[in-house]
């Protein structure tokens, strides 16, 4: 499974568990959401550093790969063979 998916699901799970617990003890929904967000951010920062690093490495690897457009050659070929009128600028 992709590190992005793992990290996202883990953070959403922690947020959901915290939100459910805080709502069960009777906190207002907006306070519960704020506190659950802070809890999920803190727990993921402290305990899931290796997974966060894996996400960062995956992002860096994606940035280093060249962008591939499978239709670029076909579009260039059509653009070169299509005549343009005198009033249009390429």
N, C-alpha and C. Protein backbone atom coordinates (compact mmCIF):
# COMPACT_ATOMS: atom_id res chain seq x y z
N UNK A 1 0.85 -1.18 0.00
CA UNK A 1 0.00 0.00 0.00
C UNK A 1 0.90 1.24 0.00
N UNK A 2 0.47 2.24 -0.70
CA UNK A 2 1.23 3.47 -0.81
C UNK A 2 1.39 4.15 0.56
N UNK A 3 2.56 4.75 0.81
CA UNK A 3 2.74 5.45 2.09
C UNK A 3 1.76 6.60 2.26
N UNK A 4 1.33 7.21 1.15
CA UNK A 4 0.35 8.30 1.23
C UNK A 4 -0.96 7.78 1.82
N UNK A 5 -1.40 6.65 1.32
CA UNK A 5 -2.67 6.08 1.77
C UNK A 5 -2.58 5.64 3.22
N UNK A 6 -1.49 4.98 3.58
CA UNK A 6 -1.31 4.54 4.96
C UNK A 6 -1.32 5.72 5.93
N UNK A 7 -0.54 6.74 5.61
CA UNK A 7 -0.44 7.90 6.50
C UNK A 7 -1.78 8.62 6.62
N UNK A 8 -2.47 8.78 5.51
CA UNK A 8 -3.76 9.46 5.52
C UNK A 8 -4.80 8.67 6.32
N UNK A 9 -4.86 7.36 6.08
CA UNK A 9 -5.83 6.54 6.82
C UNK A 9 -5.53 6.51 8.31
N UNK A 10 -4.25 6.46 8.66
CA UNK A 10 -3.87 6.47 10.07
C UNK A 10 -4.30 7.77 10.73
N UNK A 11 -4.04 8.89 10.08
CA UNK A 11 -4.41 10.18 10.66
C UNK A 11 -5.92 10.34 10.75
N UNK A 12 -6.63 9.90 9.72
CA UNK A 12 -8.10 9.97 9.78
C UNK A 12 -8.65 9.06 10.87
N UNK A 13 -8.04 7.89 11.04
CA UNK A 13 -8.48 6.98 12.09
C UNK A 13 -8.27 7.56 13.48
N UNK A 14 -7.11 8.17 13.70
CA UNK A 14 -6.85 8.80 15.00
C UNK A 14 -7.81 9.95 15.23
N UNK A 15 -8.04 10.75 14.19
CA UNK A 15 -8.98 11.85 14.32
C UNK A 15 -10.38 11.34 14.64
N UNK A 16 -10.82 10.32 13.92
CA UNK A 16 -12.17 9.77 14.15
C UNK A 16 -12.32 9.19 15.54
N UNK A 17 -11.31 8.46 16.00
CA UNK A 17 -11.38 7.88 17.35
C UNK A 17 -11.39 8.98 18.41
N UNK A 18 -10.55 9.98 18.23
CA UNK A 18 -10.54 11.09 19.18
C UNK A 18 -11.84 11.87 19.17
N UNK A 19 -12.36 12.11 17.98
CA UNK A 19 -13.63 12.83 17.87
C UNK A 19 -14.76 12.05 18.52
N UNK A 20 -14.82 10.77 18.24
CA UNK A 20 -15.86 9.94 18.85
C UNK A 20 -15.77 9.92 20.36
N UNK A 21 -14.56 9.79 20.87
CA UNK A 21 -14.37 9.77 22.33
C UNK A 21 -14.77 11.11 22.95
N UNK A 22 -14.36 12.20 22.34
CA UNK A 22 -14.69 13.51 22.89
C UNK A 22 -16.18 13.82 22.79
N UNK A 23 -16.83 13.37 21.72
CA UNK A 23 -18.27 13.56 21.63
C UNK A 23 -19.00 12.70 22.65
N UNK A 24 -18.44 11.51 22.92
CA UNK A 24 -19.07 10.60 23.90
C UNK A 24 -19.02 11.16 25.31
N UNK A 25 -17.98 11.94 25.61
CA UNK A 25 -17.91 12.51 26.97
C UNK A 25 -18.68 13.82 27.09
N UNK A 26 -19.28 14.27 25.98
CA UNK A 26 -20.20 15.40 26.04
C UNK A 26 -19.63 16.74 25.62
N UNK A 27 -18.50 16.77 24.95
CA UNK A 27 -17.95 18.03 24.46
C UNK A 27 -18.77 18.52 23.28
N UNK A 28 -18.87 19.83 23.12
CA UNK A 28 -19.53 20.39 21.94
C UNK A 28 -18.81 19.89 20.69
N UNK A 29 -19.55 19.76 19.59
CA UNK A 29 -18.97 19.17 18.39
C UNK A 29 -17.79 19.96 17.85
N UNK A 30 -17.85 21.29 17.90
CA UNK A 30 -16.77 22.08 17.34
C UNK A 30 -15.54 22.04 18.22
N UNK A 31 -15.71 22.00 19.55
CA UNK A 31 -14.56 21.83 20.44
C UNK A 31 -13.96 20.44 20.27
N UNK A 32 -14.81 19.46 20.12
CA UNK A 32 -14.33 18.08 19.93
C UNK A 32 -13.54 17.98 18.63
N UNK A 33 -14.00 18.63 17.58
CA UNK A 33 -13.29 18.60 16.30
C UNK A 33 -11.92 19.28 16.41
N UNK A 34 -11.87 20.40 17.08
CA UNK A 34 -10.60 21.10 17.25
C UNK A 34 -9.61 20.27 18.06
N UNK A 35 -10.07 19.75 19.19
CA UNK A 35 -9.19 18.96 20.06
C UNK A 35 -8.76 17.66 19.36
N UNK A 36 -9.67 17.02 18.64
CA UNK A 36 -9.33 15.80 17.91
C UNK A 36 -8.30 16.08 16.81
N UNK A 37 -8.40 17.23 16.17
CA UNK A 37 -7.42 17.62 15.16
C UNK A 37 -6.04 17.79 15.78
N UNK A 38 -5.99 18.49 16.90
CA UNK A 38 -4.70 18.70 17.58
C UNK A 38 -4.12 17.37 18.05
N UNK A 39 -4.97 16.50 18.57
CA UNK A 39 -4.50 15.19 19.03
C UNK A 39 -3.95 14.38 17.86
N UNK A 40 -4.67 14.33 16.74
CA UNK A 40 -4.21 13.53 15.60
C UNK A 40 -2.92 14.09 15.02
N UNK A 41 -2.79 15.41 14.97
CA UNK A 41 -1.56 16.01 14.47
C UNK A 41 -0.38 15.68 15.39
N UNK A 42 -0.60 15.79 16.68
CA UNK A 42 0.47 15.53 17.65
C UNK A 42 0.89 14.07 17.64
N UNK A 43 -0.07 13.18 17.67
CA UNK A 43 0.25 11.74 17.68
C UNK A 43 0.97 11.34 16.40
N UNK A 44 0.51 11.82 15.26
CA UNK A 44 1.16 11.46 14.00
C UNK A 44 2.56 12.06 13.92
N UNK A 45 2.77 13.24 14.45
CA UNK A 45 4.09 13.86 14.42
C UNK A 45 5.06 13.11 15.32
N UNK A 46 4.62 12.69 16.48
CA UNK A 46 5.51 12.02 17.44
C UNK A 46 5.77 10.57 17.05
N UNK A 47 4.73 9.83 16.68
CA UNK A 47 4.86 8.38 16.54
C UNK A 47 5.01 7.88 15.10
N UNK A 48 4.69 8.68 14.11
CA UNK A 48 4.70 8.19 12.73
C UNK A 48 5.70 8.93 11.86
N UNK A 49 6.85 9.24 12.42
CA UNK A 49 7.90 9.94 11.69
C UNK A 49 8.43 9.14 10.51
N UNK A 50 8.59 7.83 10.69
CA UNK A 50 9.13 7.02 9.60
C UNK A 50 8.15 6.95 8.42
N UNK A 51 6.87 6.88 8.72
CA UNK A 51 5.87 6.87 7.65
C UNK A 51 5.81 8.23 6.96
N UNK A 52 5.94 9.30 7.74
CA UNK A 52 5.96 10.64 7.16
C UNK A 52 7.19 10.82 6.26
N UNK A 53 8.33 10.26 6.68
CA UNK A 53 9.53 10.32 5.85
C UNK A 53 9.35 9.53 4.55
N UNK A 54 8.65 8.40 4.63
CA UNK A 54 8.38 7.62 3.42
C UNK A 54 7.51 8.41 2.45
N UNK A 55 6.56 9.15 2.96
CA UNK A 55 5.72 10.00 2.11
C UNK A 55 6.57 11.09 1.47
N UNK A 56 7.47 11.69 2.24
CA UNK A 56 8.34 12.74 1.71
C UNK A 56 9.26 12.19 0.62
N UNK A 57 9.81 10.99 0.84
CA UNK A 57 10.67 10.38 -0.18
C UNK A 57 9.88 10.05 -1.45
N UNK A 58 8.66 9.60 -1.29
CA UNK A 58 7.81 9.31 -2.45
C UNK A 58 7.52 10.59 -3.22
N UNK A 59 7.27 11.67 -2.52
CA UNK A 59 7.03 12.96 -3.16
C UNK A 59 8.28 13.43 -3.90
N UNK A 60 9.44 13.29 -3.29
CA UNK A 60 10.69 13.69 -3.94
C UNK A 60 10.94 12.85 -5.19
N UNK A 61 10.67 11.57 -5.13
CA UNK A 61 10.86 10.71 -6.28
C UNK A 61 9.92 11.10 -7.42
N UNK A 62 8.70 11.47 -7.08
CA UNK A 62 7.75 11.89 -8.11
C UNK A 62 8.19 13.19 -8.76
N UNK A 63 8.77 14.10 -7.98
CA UNK A 63 9.21 15.38 -8.52
C UNK A 63 10.40 15.22 -9.46
N UNK A 64 11.23 14.19 -9.23
CA UNK A 64 12.42 14.00 -10.05
C UNK A 64 12.12 13.29 -11.36
N UNK A 65 11.00 12.58 -11.43
CA UNK A 65 10.62 11.92 -12.67
C UNK A 65 10.16 12.95 -13.68
N UNK A 66 10.56 12.80 -14.94
CA UNK A 66 10.09 13.76 -15.95
C UNK A 66 8.60 13.58 -16.20
N UNK A 67 7.95 14.68 -16.48
CA UNK A 67 6.53 14.63 -16.80
C UNK A 67 6.35 13.99 -18.17
N UNK A 68 5.48 13.02 -18.26
CA UNK A 68 5.26 12.31 -19.51
C UNK A 68 3.85 12.61 -19.99
N UNK A 69 3.78 13.11 -21.21
CA UNK A 69 2.50 13.36 -21.84
C UNK A 69 2.41 12.43 -23.05
N UNK A 70 1.61 11.36 -22.95
CA UNK A 70 1.58 10.37 -24.04
C UNK A 70 1.08 10.94 -25.37
N UNK A 71 0.35 12.03 -25.33
CA UNK A 71 -0.20 12.60 -26.57
C UNK A 71 0.66 13.73 -27.13
N UNK A 72 1.75 14.05 -26.49
CA UNK A 72 2.54 15.21 -26.91
C UNK A 72 3.06 15.06 -28.33
N UNK A 73 3.58 13.90 -28.69
CA UNK A 73 4.11 13.71 -30.04
C UNK A 73 3.02 13.84 -31.10
N UNK A 74 1.85 13.26 -30.82
CA UNK A 74 0.75 13.34 -31.78
C UNK A 74 0.26 14.78 -31.92
N UNK A 75 0.18 15.51 -30.82
CA UNK A 75 -0.26 16.89 -30.88
C UNK A 75 0.74 17.76 -31.62
N UNK A 76 2.03 17.53 -31.40
CA UNK A 76 3.04 18.29 -32.11
C UNK A 76 2.99 18.02 -33.61
N UNK A 77 2.77 16.75 -33.98
CA UNK A 77 2.70 16.40 -35.40
C UNK A 77 1.51 17.08 -36.07
N UNK A 78 0.39 17.12 -35.42
CA UNK A 78 -0.80 17.77 -35.99
C UNK A 78 -0.58 19.27 -36.07
N UNK A 79 0.04 19.84 -35.07
CA UNK A 79 0.29 21.27 -35.06
C UNK A 79 1.24 21.70 -36.15
N UNK A 80 2.19 20.85 -36.51
CA UNK A 80 3.16 21.19 -37.54
C UNK A 80 2.57 21.06 -38.95
N UNK A 81 1.61 20.17 -39.13
CA UNK A 81 1.04 19.95 -40.47
C UNK A 81 -0.19 20.82 -40.73
N UNK A 82 -0.78 21.40 -39.72
CA UNK A 82 -1.98 22.22 -39.91
C UNK A 82 -1.59 23.61 -40.36
N UNK A 83 -2.11 24.07 -41.51
CA UNK A 83 -1.77 25.42 -41.97
C UNK A 83 -2.51 26.47 -41.12
N UNK A 84 -1.86 27.57 -40.89
CA UNK A 84 -2.49 28.65 -40.14
C UNK A 84 -2.77 29.80 -41.09
N UNK A 85 -3.81 30.57 -40.79
CA UNK A 85 -4.12 31.72 -41.63
C UNK A 85 -3.22 32.88 -41.22
N UNK A 86 -3.17 33.88 -42.00
CA UNK A 86 -2.27 35.01 -41.76
C UNK A 86 -2.63 35.83 -40.55
N UNK A 87 -3.89 35.79 -40.10
CA UNK A 87 -4.31 36.64 -38.98
C UNK A 87 -4.04 36.00 -37.62
N UNK A 88 -3.80 34.72 -37.59
CA UNK A 88 -3.59 34.04 -36.30
C UNK A 88 -2.11 33.98 -35.98
N UNK A 89 -1.81 34.22 -34.75
CA UNK A 89 -0.44 34.11 -34.26
C UNK A 89 -0.28 32.75 -33.58
N UNK A 90 0.82 32.02 -33.81
CA UNK A 90 0.99 30.72 -33.15
C UNK A 90 1.30 30.86 -31.69
